[in-house]
Amino acid sequence: MKDVSERLAFAIETARQAGRATMPWFQSKDLIADGKPDGSPVTHADREAERLVRDLVASTYPQDGVIGEEFPATEGTSGRTWIVDPIDGTMSFVHGVPLFGTMLACMHEGEPEIGVIYLPGLDEWVAAEIGAGCWWYRQGRGPERARVSTQSELRGSMILTTSMEYYRDEAQKKAWAKFVGLGAHTRGWSDCYAFVLLATGRADAVVEPGVKLWDIAAVPPIVNESGGAWTDIEGNHDLHAGSIIASNGHIHGAVVEVMRSDNR
């Protein structure tokens, strides 16, 4: 536990340093966004923030591996791997919207044990380690224990997704549309910000049908330790499935039932 706690402190400080390093480019006229092959944007800020994380991991935990969005993976020998998304929500970042963040996770033998999401535009973050709870920090306040909502029905719930662009087919889009008919509220408070809202009880579920490992590796510790649940869209615990549903736990089965492929 001592080792994990030291790593959590390192993860928080590293995510905050990386997030703060992006801010000189935020809402800057000098920001240039390049297009990736998948059509998503990437900026100098993304690359510099990830380099900072990689350098800090290499100097503090040189035997650990690193997987990030912008550069090839670095292999490790310790059994632990850091997963970094330097700017989750680059589309928000390039448009001057502060709902983006740095996501950092530490996995041990393939299982996430630490997760941090830092929102530099809001100076707010959540951090969790398995067995030690999830904690919420905001604008100089905190730490406060982060807890999911108690909403127990789809009717009246708040369900978030980033964008319909990530819904691969018409069946997924139609499934998402069912939530409104079932009395739920749906919003696009997106990317990592949605998971912060979920963990702090301000949203009830998040559905993301198109994700990579770095988009969600930090989510299991944060959601589990705040009292929630997560699976992929089919209801399995698979971080490599390319999708995720995270919820307060109370409505998880109902959300999966709407989205899973055999019900669409």
C-alpha atoms as a PDB file:
ATOM      1  CA  MET A   1       0.000   0.000   0.000  1.00  0.00           C
ATOM      2  CA  LYS A   2       2.901   2.387   0.718  1.00  0.00           C
ATOM      3  CA  ASP A   3       4.165   1.969  -2.824  1.00  0.00           C
ATOM      4  CA  VAL A   4       0.724   2.578  -4.291  1.00  0.00           C
ATOM      5  CA  SER A   5       0.216   5.689  -2.138  1.00  0.00           C
ATOM      6  CA  GLU A   6       3.545   7.120  -3.264  1.00  0.00           C
ATOM      7  CA  ARG A   7       2.537   6.419  -6.830  1.00  0.00           C
ATOM      8  CA  LEU A   8      -0.829   8.130  -6.345  1.00  0.00           C
ATOM      9  CA  ALA A   9       0.916  11.264  -5.067  1.00  0.00           C
ATOM     10  CA  PHE A  10       3.235  11.095  -8.059  1.00  0.00           C
ATOM     11  CA  ALA A  11       0.285  10.588 -10.433  1.00  0.00           C
ATOM     12  CA  ILE A  12      -1.581  13.611  -9.073  1.00  0.00           C
ATOM     13  CA  GLU A  13       1.428  15.907  -9.281  1.00  0.00           C
ATOM     14  CA  THR A  14       2.406  14.635 -12.733  1.00  0.00           C
ATOM     15  CA  ALA A  15      -1.107  15.018 -14.168  1.00  0.00           C
ATOM     16  CA  ARG A  16      -1.322  18.536 -12.741  1.00  0.00           C
ATOM     17  CA  GLN A  17       2.066  19.521 -14.153  1.00  0.00           C
ATOM     18  CA  ALA A  18       1.123  18.149 -17.568  1.00  0.00           C
ATOM     19  CA  GLY A  19      -2.265  19.845 -17.501  1.00  0.00           C
ATOM     20  CA  ARG A  20      -0.824  23.186 -16.461  1.00  0.00           C
ATOM     21  CA  ALA A  21       1.776  22.890 -19.229  1.00  0.00           C
ATOM     22  CA  THR A  22      -1.029  22.992 -21.817  1.00  0.00           C
ATOM     23  CA  MET A  23      -2.519  26.255 -20.587  1.00  0.00           C
ATOM     24  CA  PRO A  24      -0.180  28.719 -22.410  1.00  0.00           C
ATOM     25  CA  TRP A  25      -1.660  27.369 -25.664  1.00  0.00           C
ATOM     26  CA  PHE A  26      -5.274  27.379 -24.480  1.00  0.00           C
ATOM     27  CA  GLN A  27      -7.294  30.094 -26.235  1.00  0.00           C
ATOM     28  CA  SER A  28      -4.077  31.226 -27.902  1.00  0.00           C
ATOM     29  CA  LYS A  29      -4.059  32.598 -31.440  1.00  0.00           C
ATOM     30  CA  ASP A  30      -0.734  30.819 -31.957  1.00  0.00           C
ATOM     31  CA  LEU A  31      -2.248  27.350 -31.430  1.00  0.00           C
ATOM     32  CA  ILE A  32      -2.021  25.134 -34.506  1.00  0.00           C
ATOM     33  CA  ALA A  33      -3.972  21.884 -34.708  1.00  0.00           C
ATOM     34  CA  ASP A  34      -2.847  19.129 -37.049  1.00  0.00           C
ATOM     35  CA  GLY A  35      -5.116  16.350 -38.217  1.00  0.00           C
ATOM     36  CA  LYS A  36      -4.477  12.696 -37.354  1.00  0.00           C
ATOM     37  CA  PRO A  37      -5.338   9.866 -39.766  1.00  0.00           C
ATOM     38  CA  ASP A  38      -8.562   9.254 -37.830  1.00  0.00           C
ATOM     39  CA  GLY A  39      -9.589  12.897 -38.275  1.00  0.00           C
ATOM     40  CA  SER A  40      -9.031  13.937 -34.663  1.00  0.00           C
ATOM     41  CA  PRO A  41      -6.867  16.985 -33.915  1.00  0.00           C
ATOM     42  CA  VAL A  42      -3.465  17.039 -32.225  1.00  0.00           C
ATOM     43  CA  THR A  43      -1.483  20.077 -31.117  1.00  0.00           C
ATOM     44  CA  HIS A  44       1.970  21.004 -29.884  1.00  0.00           C
ATOM     45  CA  ALA A  45       0.411  21.185 -26.427  1.00  0.00           C
ATOM     46  CA  ASP A  46      -0.626  17.500 -26.603  1.00  0.00           C
ATOM     47  CA  ARG A  47       2.875  16.414 -27.544  1.00  0.00           C
ATOM     48  CA  GLU A  48       4.690  18.579 -25.001  1.00  0.00           C
ATOM     49  CA  ALA A  49       2.405  17.487 -22.162  1.00  0.00           C
ATOM     50  CA  GLU A  50       2.962  13.828 -22.981  1.00  0.00           C
ATOM     51  CA  ARG A  51       6.734  14.340 -23.192  1.00  0.00           C
ATOM     52  CA  LEU A  52       6.628  15.882 -19.726  1.00  0.00           C
ATOM     53  CA  VAL A  53       4.780  12.858 -18.316  1.00  0.00           C
ATOM     54  CA  ARG A  54       7.175  10.443 -19.992  1.00  0.00           C
ATOM     55  CA  ASP A  55      10.200  12.316 -18.659  1.00  0.00           C
ATOM     56  CA  LEU A  56       8.815  12.346 -15.106  1.00  0.00           C
ATOM     57  CA  VAL A  57       8.009   8.631 -15.205  1.00  0.00           C
ATOM     58  CA  ALA A  58      11.458   7.827 -16.621  1.00  0.00           C
ATOM     59  CA  SER A  59      13.207   9.781 -13.878  1.00  0.00           C
ATOM     60  CA  THR A  60      11.026   8.544 -10.988  1.00  0.00           C
ATOM     61  CA  TYR A  61      10.074   5.003 -12.007  1.00  0.00           C
ATOM     62  CA  PRO A  62      12.591   4.051 -14.715  1.00  0.00           C
ATOM     63  CA  GLN A  63      11.512   0.406 -14.739  1.00  0.00           C
ATOM     64  CA  ASP A  64       7.873   1.239 -15.515  1.00  0.00           C
ATOM     65  CA  GLY A  65       6.423   1.271 -19.002  1.00  0.00           C
ATOM     66  CA  VAL A  66       4.465   4.109 -20.610  1.00  0.00           C
ATOM     67  CA  ILE A  67       1.655   4.026 -23.158  1.00  0.00           C
ATOM     68  CA  GLY A  68       0.426   7.355 -24.505  1.00  0.00           C
ATOM     69  CA  GLU A  69      -1.709   8.740 -27.264  1.00  0.00           C
ATOM     70  CA  GLU A  70       0.951  10.713 -29.101  1.00  0.00           C
ATOM     71  CA  PHE A  71       4.127   8.577 -29.067  1.00  0.00           C
ATOM     72  CA  PRO A  72       5.089   4.889 -29.315  1.00  0.00           C
ATOM     73  CA  ALA A  73       4.894   2.783 -26.174  1.00  0.00           C
ATOM     74  CA  THR A  74       7.886   2.456 -23.855  1.00  0.00           C
ATOM     75  CA  GLU A  75       8.324  -1.045 -22.486  1.00  0.00           C
ATOM     76  CA  GLY A  76       9.009  -1.598 -18.783  1.00  0.00           C
ATOM     77  CA  THR A  77      10.200  -4.442 -16.559  1.00  0.00           C
ATOM     78  CA  SER A  78       8.369  -3.713 -13.296  1.00  0.00           C
ATOM     79  CA  GLY A  79       4.943  -5.027 -14.246  1.00  0.00           C
ATOM     80  CA  ARG A  80       3.549  -1.502 -14.043  1.00  0.00           C
ATOM     81  CA  THR A  81       2.613   0.703 -16.982  1.00  0.00           C
ATOM     82  CA  TRP A  82       1.529   4.330 -17.001  1.00  0.00           C
ATOM     83  CA  ILE A  83      -1.225   5.239 -19.450  1.00  0.00           C
ATOM     84  CA  VAL A  84      -1.442   8.896 -20.432  1.00  0.00           C
ATOM     85  CA  ASP A  85      -3.841  10.975 -22.477  1.00  0.00           C
ATOM     86  CA  PRO A  86      -2.187  14.408 -22.326  1.00  0.00           C
ATOM     87  CA  ILE A  87      -5.262  16.294 -23.539  1.00  0.00           C
ATOM     88  CA  ASP A  88      -8.450  14.282 -23.457  1.00  0.00           C
ATOM     89  CA  GLY A  89     -10.850  16.556 -25.306  1.00  0.00           C
ATOM     90  CA  THR A  90      -8.483  18.151 -27.812  1.00  0.00           C
ATOM     91  CA  MET A  91     -11.497  19.308 -29.840  1.00  0.00           C
ATOM     92  CA  SER A  92     -12.673  21.285 -26.812  1.00  0.00           C
ATOM     93  CA  PHE A  93      -9.119  22.539 -26.264  1.00  0.00           C
ATOM     94  CA  VAL A  94      -8.663  23.892 -29.799  1.00  0.00           C
ATOM     95  CA  HIS A  95     -12.067  25.609 -29.653  1.00  0.00           C
ATOM     96  CA  GLY A  96     -11.272  27.339 -26.375  1.00  0.00           C
ATOM     97  CA  VAL A  97     -13.709  25.312 -24.267  1.00  0.00           C
ATOM     98  CA  PRO A  98     -12.305  24.412 -20.815  1.00  0.00           C
ATOM     99  CA  LEU A  99     -13.878  20.927 -20.626  1.00  0.00           C
ATOM    100  CA  PHE A 100     -10.643  19.063 -21.429  1.00  0.00           C
ATOM    101  CA  GLY A 101      -8.165  17.367 -19.162  1.00  0.00           C
ATOM    102  CA  THR A 102      -5.122  15.223 -18.586  1.00  0.00           C
ATOM    103  CA  MET A 103      -5.834  11.575 -17.809  1.00  0.00           C
ATOM    104  CA  LEU A 104      -3.184   9.440 -16.122  1.00  0.00           C
ATOM    105  CA  ALA A 105      -3.445   5.854 -14.937  1.00  0.00           C
ATOM    106  CA  CYS A 106      -1.059   3.298 -13.499  1.00  0.00           C
ATOM    107  CA  MET A 107      -1.754  -0.322 -14.371  1.00  0.00           C
ATOM    108  CA  HIS A 108      -0.228  -3.288 -12.561  1.00  0.00           C
ATOM    109  CA  GLU A 109      -0.086  -6.488 -14.604  1.00  0.00           C
ATOM    110  CA  GLY A 110      -2.781  -5.084 -16.870  1.00  0.00           C
ATOM    111  CA  GLU A 111      -5.186  -3.948 -14.141  1.00  0.00           C
ATOM    112  CA  PRO A 112      -5.671  -0.238 -13.375  1.00  0.00           C
ATOM    113  CA  GLU A 113      -4.757   0.558  -9.764  1.00  0.00           C
ATOM    114  CA  ILE A 114      -4.535   4.371  -9.923  1.00  0.00           C
ATOM    115  CA  GLY A 115      -6.507   6.927 -11.895  1.00  0.00           C
ATOM    116  CA  VAL A 116      -6.291  10.721 -12.067  1.00  0.00           C
ATOM    117  CA  ILE A 117      -8.262  13.179 -14.197  1.00  0.00           C
ATOM    118  CA  TYR A 118      -7.110  16.799 -14.007  1.00  0.00           C
ATOM    119  CA  LEU A 119      -9.077  19.633 -15.639  1.00  0.00           C
ATOM    120  CA  PRO A 120      -6.592  22.535 -15.862  1.00  0.00           C
ATOM    121  CA  GLY A 121      -9.126  24.991 -17.297  1.00  0.00           C
ATOM    122  CA  LEU A 122     -11.254  24.509 -14.165  1.00  0.00           C
ATOM    123  CA  ASP A 123      -8.449  23.646 -11.714  1.00  0.00           C
ATOM    124  CA  GLU A 124     -10.445  20.601 -10.656  1.00  0.00           C
ATOM    125  CA  TRP A 125      -9.472  16.965 -10.396  1.00  0.00           C
ATOM    126  CA  VAL A 126     -10.443  13.538  -9.122  1.00  0.00           C
ATOM    127  CA  ALA A 127      -7.925  10.925  -8.021  1.00  0.00           C
ATOM    128  CA  ALA A 128      -8.346   7.345  -6.867  1.00  0.00           C
ATOM    129  CA  GLU A 129      -6.398   4.272  -5.922  1.00  0.00           C
ATOM    130  CA  ILE A 130      -7.874   0.838  -5.431  1.00  0.00           C
ATOM    131  CA  GLY A 131      -8.914   0.349  -1.832  1.00  0.00           C
ATOM    132  CA  ALA A 132      -8.321   3.970  -0.783  1.00  0.00           C
ATOM    133  CA  GLY A 133     -11.343   5.820  -2.159  1.00  0.00           C
ATOM    134  CA  CYS A 134     -11.820   8.503  -4.783  1.00  0.00           C
ATOM    135  CA  TRP A 135     -11.145  12.113  -3.874  1.00  0.00           C
ATOM    136  CA  TRP A 136     -12.346  15.367  -5.416  1.00  0.00           C
ATOM    137  CA  TYR A 137     -10.320  18.577  -5.453  1.00  0.00           C
ATOM    138  CA  ARG A 138     -11.602  21.853  -6.897  1.00  0.00           C
ATOM    139  CA  GLN A 139     -10.384  25.442  -7.018  1.00  0.00           C
ATOM    140  CA  GLY A 140      -8.265  25.200  -3.900  1.00  0.00           C
ATOM    141  CA  ARG A 141     -10.833  23.180  -1.948  1.00  0.00           C
ATOM    142  CA  GLY A 142     -10.645  19.582  -0.938  1.00  0.00           C
ATOM    143  CA  PRO A 143      -9.982  16.848  -0.701  1.00  0.00           C
ATOM    144  CA  GLU A 144     -13.609  15.766  -0.529  1.00  0.00           C
ATOM    145  CA  ARG A 145     -14.706  12.154  -0.830  1.00  0.00           C
ATOM    146  CA  ALA A 146     -16.114  11.678  -4.330  1.00  0.00           C
ATOM    147  CA  ARG A 147     -19.348   9.711  -4.483  1.00  0.00           C
ATOM    148  CA  VAL A 148     -21.670   8.825  -7.325  1.00  0.00           C
ATOM    149  CA  SER A 149     -25.343   9.764  -7.333  1.00  0.00           C
ATOM    150  CA  THR A 150     -28.163   7.706  -5.861  1.00  0.00           C
ATOM    151  CA  GLN A 151     -30.376   7.946  -8.967  1.00  0.00           C
ATOM    152  CA  SER A 152     -32.013   4.517  -9.282  1.00  0.00           C
ATOM    153  CA  GLU A 153     -34.095   4.765 -12.476  1.00  0.00           C
ATOM    154  CA  LEU A 154     -33.455   5.718 -16.091  1.00  0.00           C
ATOM    155  CA  ARG A 155     -36.363   8.143 -15.897  1.00  0.00           C
ATOM    156  CA  GLY A 156     -34.939  11.411 -14.644  1.00  0.00           C
ATOM    157  CA  SER A 157     -31.317  10.297 -14.958  1.00  0.00           C
ATOM    158  CA  MET A 158     -28.572  12.319 -16.652  1.00  0.00           C
ATOM    159  CA  ILE A 159     -26.627  10.313 -19.256  1.00  0.00           C
ATOM    160  CA  LEU A 160     -23.635  11.779 -21.074  1.00  0.00           C
ATOM    161  CA  THR A 161     -21.743  11.039 -24.278  1.00  0.00           C
ATOM    162  CA  THR A 162     -19.045  12.976 -26.116  1.00  0.00           C
ATOM    163  CA  SER A 163     -20.447  13.129 -29.640  1.00  0.00           C
ATOM    164  CA  MET A 164     -22.611  11.216 -32.073  1.00  0.00           C
ATOM    165  CA  GLU A 165     -19.553  11.185 -34.362  1.00  0.00           C
ATOM    166  CA  TYR A 166     -18.263   8.227 -32.339  1.00  0.00           C
ATOM    167  CA  TYR A 167     -21.348   6.081 -32.872  1.00  0.00           C
ATOM    168  CA  ARG A 168     -20.222   3.582 -35.487  1.00  0.00           C
ATOM    169  CA  ASP A 169     -23.542   2.658 -37.041  1.00  0.00           C
ATOM    170  CA  GLU A 170     -27.201   3.599 -37.201  1.00  0.00           C
ATOM    171  CA  ALA A 171     -28.123   0.896 -34.696  1.00  0.00           C
ATOM    172  CA  GLN A 172     -25.940   2.527 -32.030  1.00  0.00           C
ATOM    173  CA  LYS A 173     -27.433   5.933 -32.790  1.00  0.00           C
ATOM    174  CA  LYS A 174     -30.953   4.567 -32.502  1.00  0.00           C
ATOM    175  CA  ALA A 175     -30.056   2.852 -29.230  1.00  0.00           C
ATOM    176  CA  TRP A 176     -28.774   6.137 -27.808  1.00  0.00           C
ATOM    177  CA  ALA A 177     -31.981   7.874 -28.882  1.00  0.00           C
ATOM    178  CA  LYS A 178     -34.024   5.405 -26.807  1.00  0.00           C
ATOM    179  CA  PHE A 179     -32.829   7.020 -23.577  1.00  0.00           C
ATOM    180  CA  VAL A 180     -34.941  10.122 -24.182  1.00  0.00           C
ATOM    181  CA  GLY A 181     -37.994   7.967 -24.809  1.00  0.00           C
ATOM    182  CA  LEU A 182     -37.328   6.221 -21.503  1.00  0.00           C
ATOM    183  CA  GLY A 183     -37.383   9.526 -19.673  1.00  0.00           C
ATOM    184  CA  ALA A 184     -33.635  10.127 -19.320  1.00  0.00           C
ATOM    185  CA  HIS A 185     -31.892  13.422 -19.976  1.00  0.00           C
ATOM    186  CA  THR A 186     -28.938  13.314 -22.395  1.00  0.00           C
ATOM    187  CA  ARG A 187     -26.127  15.824 -22.768  1.00  0.00           C
ATOM    188  CA  GLY A 188     -22.760  16.162 -24.469  1.00  0.00           C
ATOM    189  CA  TRP A 189     -20.706  17.216 -21.448  1.00  0.00           C
ATOM    190  CA  SER A 190     -17.940  15.256 -22.900  1.00  0.00           C
ATOM    191  CA  ASP A 191     -14.641  13.457 -22.757  1.00  0.00           C
ATOM    192  CA  CYS A 192     -12.949  13.170 -19.369  1.00  0.00           C
ATOM    193  CA  TYR A 193     -15.161  15.903 -17.910  1.00  0.00           C
ATOM    194  CA  ALA A 194     -18.088  13.479 -18.106  1.00  0.00           C
ATOM    195  CA  PHE A 195     -16.290  10.960 -15.876  1.00  0.00           C
ATOM    196  CA  VAL A 196     -15.542  13.682 -13.312  1.00  0.00           C
ATOM    197  CA  LEU A 197     -19.227  14.609 -13.270  1.00  0.00           C
ATOM    198  CA  LEU A 198     -20.156  10.959 -12.799  1.00  0.00           C
ATOM    199  CA  ALA A 199     -17.706  10.353  -9.943  1.00  0.00           C
ATOM    200  CA  THR A 200     -18.894  13.463  -8.100  1.00  0.00           C
ATOM    201  CA  GLY A 201     -22.614  12.730  -8.391  1.00  0.00           C
ATOM    202  CA  ARG A 202     -23.486  15.341 -11.013  1.00  0.00           C
ATOM    203  CA  ALA A 203     -24.264  12.834 -13.765  1.00  0.00           C
ATOM    204  CA  ASP A 204     -25.578   9.277 -13.583  1.00  0.00           C
ATOM    205  CA  ALA A 205     -23.989   7.474 -16.535  1.00  0.00           C
ATOM    206  CA  VAL A 206     -21.514   7.940 -19.379  1.00  0.00           C
ATOM    207  CA  VAL A 207     -21.713   6.052 -22.688  1.00  0.00           C
ATOM    208  CA  GLU A 208     -18.718   6.135 -25.047  1.00  0.00           C
ATOM    209  CA  PRO A 209     -18.841   3.736 -28.020  1.00  0.00           C
ATOM    210  CA  GLY A 210     -15.479   4.688 -29.545  1.00  0.00           C
ATOM    211  CA  VAL A 211     -12.495   4.860 -27.179  1.00  0.00           C
ATOM    212  CA  LYS A 212      -8.859   3.810 -26.900  1.00  0.00           C
ATOM    213  CA  LEU A 213      -7.049   2.547 -23.801  1.00  0.00           C
ATOM    214  CA  TRP A 214      -5.661   5.986 -22.916  1.00  0.00           C
ATOM    215  CA  ASP A 215      -9.205   7.424 -22.991  1.00  0.00           C
ATOM    216  CA  ILE A 216     -10.433   5.132 -20.213  1.00  0.00           C
ATOM    217  CA  ALA A 217      -7.564   3.499 -18.284  1.00  0.00           C
ATOM    218  CA  ALA A 218      -8.004   6.009 -15.436  1.00  0.00           C
ATOM    219  CA  VAL A 219     -11.748   5.387 -15.241  1.00  0.00           C
ATOM    220  CA  PRO A 220     -12.040   2.038 -13.373  1.00  0.00           C
ATOM    221  CA  PRO A 221     -10.303   3.163 -10.152  1.00  0.00           C
ATOM    222  CA  ILE A 222     -12.172   6.471 -10.176  1.00  0.00           C
ATOM    223  CA  VAL A 223     -15.582   4.956 -10.846  1.00  0.00           C
ATOM    224  CA  ASN A 224     -15.187   1.914  -8.614  1.00  0.00           C
ATOM    225  CA  GLU A 225     -13.828   3.906  -5.674  1.00  0.00           C
ATOM    226  CA  SER A 226     -16.602   6.512  -5.954  1.00  0.00           C
ATOM    227  CA  GLY A 227     -19.201   3.732  -5.741  1.00  0.00           C
ATOM    228  CA  GLY A 228     -20.058   3.260  -9.397  1.00  0.00           C
ATOM    229  CA  ALA A 229     -19.666   0.559 -12.033  1.00  0.00           C
ATOM    230  CA  TRP A 230     -18.198   0.207 -15.488  1.00  0.00           C
ATOM    231  CA  THR A 231     -18.242  -2.257 -18.388  1.00  0.00           C
ATOM    232  CA  ASP A 232     -17.959  -2.103 -22.132  1.00  0.00           C
ATOM    233  CA  ILE A 233     -21.154  -1.692 -24.154  1.00  0.00           C
ATOM    234  CA  GLU A 234     -21.702  -5.467 -24.144  1.00  0.00           C
ATOM    235  CA  GLY A 235     -21.514  -5.619 -20.352  1.00  0.00           C
ATOM    236  CA  ASN A 236     -17.995  -7.069 -20.066  1.00  0.00           C
ATOM    237  CA  HIS A 237     -15.038  -5.755 -18.076  1.00  0.00           C
ATOM    238  CA  ASP A 238     -12.751  -5.249 -21.060  1.00  0.00           C
ATOM    239  CA  LEU A 239     -10.656  -2.092 -21.352  1.00  0.00           C
ATOM    240  CA  HIS A 240      -9.619  -3.091 -24.872  1.00  0.00           C
ATOM    241  CA  ALA A 241     -13.137  -3.504 -26.307  1.00  0.00           C
ATOM    242  CA  GLY A 242     -13.214   0.018 -27.735  1.00  0.00           C
ATOM    243  CA  SER A 243     -16.231   1.140 -25.724  1.00  0.00           C
ATOM    244  CA  ILE A 244     -17.242   1.949 -22.165  1.00  0.00           C
ATOM    245  CA  ILE A 245     -20.329   2.466 -20.082  1.00  0.00           C
ATOM    246  CA  ALA A 246     -19.690   3.941 -16.647  1.00  0.00           C
ATOM    247  CA  SER A 247     -22.472   4.666 -14.206  1.00  0.00           C
ATOM    248  CA  ASN A 248     -23.500   5.165 -10.611  1.00  0.00           C
ATOM    249  CA  GLY A 249     -24.112   1.409 -10.473  1.00  0.00           C
ATOM    250  CA  HIS A 250     -27.832   1.707  -9.755  1.00  0.00           C
ATOM    251  CA  ILE A 251     -28.813   2.181 -13.408  1.00  0.00           C
ATOM    252  CA  HIS A 252     -25.904   0.322 -14.965  1.00  0.00           C
ATOM    253  CA  GLY A 253     -27.821  -2.764 -16.027  1.00  0.00           C
ATOM    254  CA  ALA A 254     -30.550  -0.651 -17.581  1.00  0.00           C
ATOM    255  CA  VAL A 255     -28.063   1.421 -19.590  1.00  0.00           C
ATOM    256  CA  VAL A 256     -26.244  -1.676 -20.845  1.00  0.00           C
ATOM    257  CA  GLU A 257     -29.577  -3.258 -21.742  1.00  0.00           C
ATOM    258  CA  VAL A 258     -30.362  -0.337 -24.045  1.00  0.00           C
ATOM    259  CA  MET A 259     -26.924  -0.188 -25.698  1.00  0.00           C
ATOM    260  CA  ARG A 260     -25.789  -3.812 -26.030  1.00  0.00           C
ATOM    261  CA  SER A 261     -25.700  -5.140 -29.592  1.00  0.00           C
ATOM    262  CA  ASP A 262     -28.241  -7.935 -29.225  1.00  0.00           C
ATOM    263  CA  ASN A 263     -30.905  -5.432 -28.148  1.00  0.00           C
ATOM    264  CA  ARG A 264     -30.311  -2.807 -30.816  1.00  0.00           C
END
